[in-house]
N, C-alpha and C. Protein backbone atom coordinates (compact mmCIF):
# COMPACT_ATOMS: atom_id res chain seq x y z
N MET A 1 5.38 2.93 -5.04
CA MET A 1 4.91 3.77 -3.95
C MET A 1 5.17 3.03 -2.64
N ILE A 2 5.13 3.78 -1.58
CA ILE A 2 5.33 3.24 -0.25
C ILE A 2 4.16 3.70 0.63
N ALA A 3 3.57 2.76 1.36
CA ALA A 3 2.50 3.09 2.31
C ALA A 3 3.08 3.02 3.72
N GLU A 4 2.77 4.02 4.53
CA GLU A 4 3.20 3.98 5.93
C GLU A 4 1.98 3.83 6.81
N LEU A 5 2.03 2.83 7.70
CA LEU A 5 0.93 2.57 8.62
C LEU A 5 1.13 3.34 9.92
N SER A 6 0.08 3.43 10.71
CA SER A 6 0.12 4.22 11.95
C SER A 6 1.13 3.70 12.96
N ASP A 7 1.51 2.41 12.86
CA ASP A 7 2.51 1.87 13.79
C ASP A 7 3.94 1.99 13.26
N GLY A 8 4.11 2.69 12.11
CA GLY A 8 5.42 2.90 11.53
C GLY A 8 5.83 1.87 10.49
N THR A 9 5.05 0.83 10.32
CA THR A 9 5.33 -0.20 9.32
C THR A 9 5.23 0.41 7.93
N GLU A 10 6.18 0.04 7.06
CA GLU A 10 6.12 0.48 5.67
C GLU A 10 5.80 -0.71 4.77
N ILE A 11 4.92 -0.50 3.82
CA ILE A 11 4.64 -1.50 2.79
C ILE A 11 5.18 -0.91 1.51
N ARG A 12 6.19 -1.57 0.96
CA ARG A 12 6.88 -1.06 -0.23
C ARG A 12 6.37 -1.73 -1.50
N ASN A 13 6.77 -1.16 -2.60
CA ASN A 13 6.42 -1.68 -3.93
C ASN A 13 4.91 -1.72 -4.18
N VAL A 14 4.21 -0.70 -3.68
CA VAL A 14 2.78 -0.58 -3.94
C VAL A 14 2.61 -0.08 -5.37
N HIS A 15 1.87 -0.82 -6.16
CA HIS A 15 1.69 -0.49 -7.57
C HIS A 15 0.43 0.37 -7.79
N GLU A 16 -0.60 0.12 -6.96
CA GLU A 16 -1.88 0.82 -7.12
C GLU A 16 -2.59 0.88 -5.77
N VAL A 17 -3.34 1.96 -5.55
CA VAL A 17 -4.13 2.12 -4.33
C VAL A 17 -5.59 2.27 -4.75
N VAL A 18 -6.46 1.41 -4.21
CA VAL A 18 -7.88 1.46 -4.54
C VAL A 18 -8.65 1.71 -3.24
N GLU A 19 -9.44 2.77 -3.24
CA GLU A 19 -10.20 3.13 -2.04
C GLU A 19 -11.42 2.24 -1.89
N GLY A 20 -11.58 1.70 -0.69
CA GLY A 20 -12.76 0.92 -0.35
C GLY A 20 -13.64 1.73 0.59
N SER A 21 -14.67 1.11 1.15
CA SER A 21 -15.59 1.84 2.01
C SER A 21 -15.00 2.21 3.36
N ASN A 22 -14.10 1.38 3.88
CA ASN A 22 -13.51 1.64 5.20
C ASN A 22 -11.99 1.66 5.20
N GLY A 23 -11.40 1.60 4.01
CA GLY A 23 -9.94 1.57 3.94
C GLY A 23 -9.48 1.50 2.50
N VAL A 24 -8.23 1.11 2.32
CA VAL A 24 -7.66 1.04 0.98
C VAL A 24 -7.11 -0.35 0.70
N HIS A 25 -7.21 -0.75 -0.56
CA HIS A 25 -6.58 -1.96 -1.04
C HIS A 25 -5.25 -1.54 -1.65
N LEU A 26 -4.16 -2.10 -1.16
CA LEU A 26 -2.85 -1.81 -1.71
C LEU A 26 -2.49 -2.94 -2.65
N LYS A 27 -2.31 -2.61 -3.92
CA LYS A 27 -2.02 -3.64 -4.91
C LYS A 27 -0.54 -3.63 -5.24
N GLN A 28 0.01 -4.80 -5.39
CA GLN A 28 1.43 -4.97 -5.70
C GLN A 28 1.58 -5.85 -6.92
N GLU A 29 2.69 -5.66 -7.64
CA GLU A 29 2.97 -6.50 -8.78
C GLU A 29 3.80 -7.69 -8.32
N ILE A 30 3.27 -8.88 -8.52
CA ILE A 30 3.95 -10.11 -8.13
C ILE A 30 3.98 -11.02 -9.35
N ASP A 31 5.17 -11.40 -9.76
CA ASP A 31 5.35 -12.27 -10.93
C ASP A 31 4.64 -11.73 -12.16
N GLY A 32 4.72 -10.41 -12.36
CA GLY A 32 4.14 -9.78 -13.54
C GLY A 32 2.64 -9.55 -13.48
N GLU A 33 2.01 -9.90 -12.37
CA GLU A 33 0.57 -9.73 -12.22
C GLU A 33 0.29 -8.79 -11.05
N VAL A 34 -0.64 -7.83 -11.24
CA VAL A 34 -1.02 -6.92 -10.17
C VAL A 34 -2.08 -7.59 -9.31
N VAL A 35 -1.77 -7.78 -8.03
CA VAL A 35 -2.68 -8.46 -7.11
C VAL A 35 -2.84 -7.61 -5.84
N ARG A 36 -3.92 -7.88 -5.11
CA ARG A 36 -4.13 -7.18 -3.84
C ARG A 36 -3.14 -7.71 -2.83
N GLY A 37 -2.28 -6.82 -2.36
CA GLY A 37 -1.26 -7.20 -1.39
C GLY A 37 -1.72 -7.04 0.04
N ALA A 38 -2.56 -6.04 0.29
CA ALA A 38 -3.01 -5.78 1.66
C ALA A 38 -4.26 -4.91 1.63
N TYR A 39 -5.07 -5.05 2.67
CA TYR A 39 -6.19 -4.14 2.90
C TYR A 39 -5.88 -3.42 4.20
N VAL A 40 -5.90 -2.10 4.17
CA VAL A 40 -5.56 -1.31 5.36
C VAL A 40 -6.72 -0.38 5.68
N PRO A 41 -7.28 -0.49 6.90
CA PRO A 41 -8.34 0.44 7.31
C PRO A 41 -7.80 1.88 7.35
N PHE A 42 -8.66 2.85 7.05
CA PHE A 42 -8.23 4.25 7.04
C PHE A 42 -7.57 4.65 8.36
N THR A 43 -8.07 4.14 9.47
CA THR A 43 -7.54 4.53 10.78
C THR A 43 -6.11 4.06 11.00
N GLN A 44 -5.65 3.09 10.20
CA GLN A 44 -4.29 2.56 10.37
C GLN A 44 -3.33 3.04 9.29
N LEU A 45 -3.80 3.87 8.37
CA LEU A 45 -2.97 4.34 7.26
C LEU A 45 -2.56 5.79 7.50
N ASN A 46 -1.26 6.04 7.58
CA ASN A 46 -0.78 7.42 7.67
C ASN A 46 -0.79 8.08 6.31
N TYR A 47 -0.09 7.48 5.34
CA TYR A 47 -0.05 8.03 4.00
C TYR A 47 0.57 7.05 3.03
N VAL A 48 0.41 7.36 1.75
CA VAL A 48 1.06 6.62 0.66
C VAL A 48 1.81 7.65 -0.16
N TYR A 49 3.07 7.37 -0.45
CA TYR A 49 3.84 8.33 -1.23
C TYR A 49 4.68 7.64 -2.28
N SER A 50 4.99 8.39 -3.31
CA SER A 50 5.84 7.89 -4.37
C SER A 50 7.29 8.13 -3.94
N GLY A 51 8.09 7.15 -4.12
CA GLY A 51 9.48 7.27 -3.73
C GLY A 51 10.26 6.06 -4.17
N ARG A 52 11.46 5.97 -3.75
CA ARG A 52 12.26 4.79 -4.09
C ARG A 52 11.67 3.58 -3.39
N THR A 53 11.39 2.53 -4.17
CA THR A 53 10.76 1.35 -3.60
C THR A 53 11.74 0.21 -3.39
N SER A 54 12.99 0.40 -3.75
CA SER A 54 13.98 -0.65 -3.50
C SER A 54 15.04 -0.11 -2.56
N GLN A 55 15.63 -1.01 -1.81
CA GLN A 55 16.63 -0.57 -0.82
C GLN A 55 18.02 -0.77 -1.36
């Protein structure tokens, strides 16, 4: 999946999205392990969509 932030930044290779109280935890697979890659407040997240994750 790909997450797009309000400033246009894209976070690619999102494996899982977990909703928190004020935002979302974007989890990514790194070296075969799913870890929290980023925490994004709701106000800074435009959307998360499924799509091609490699360029």
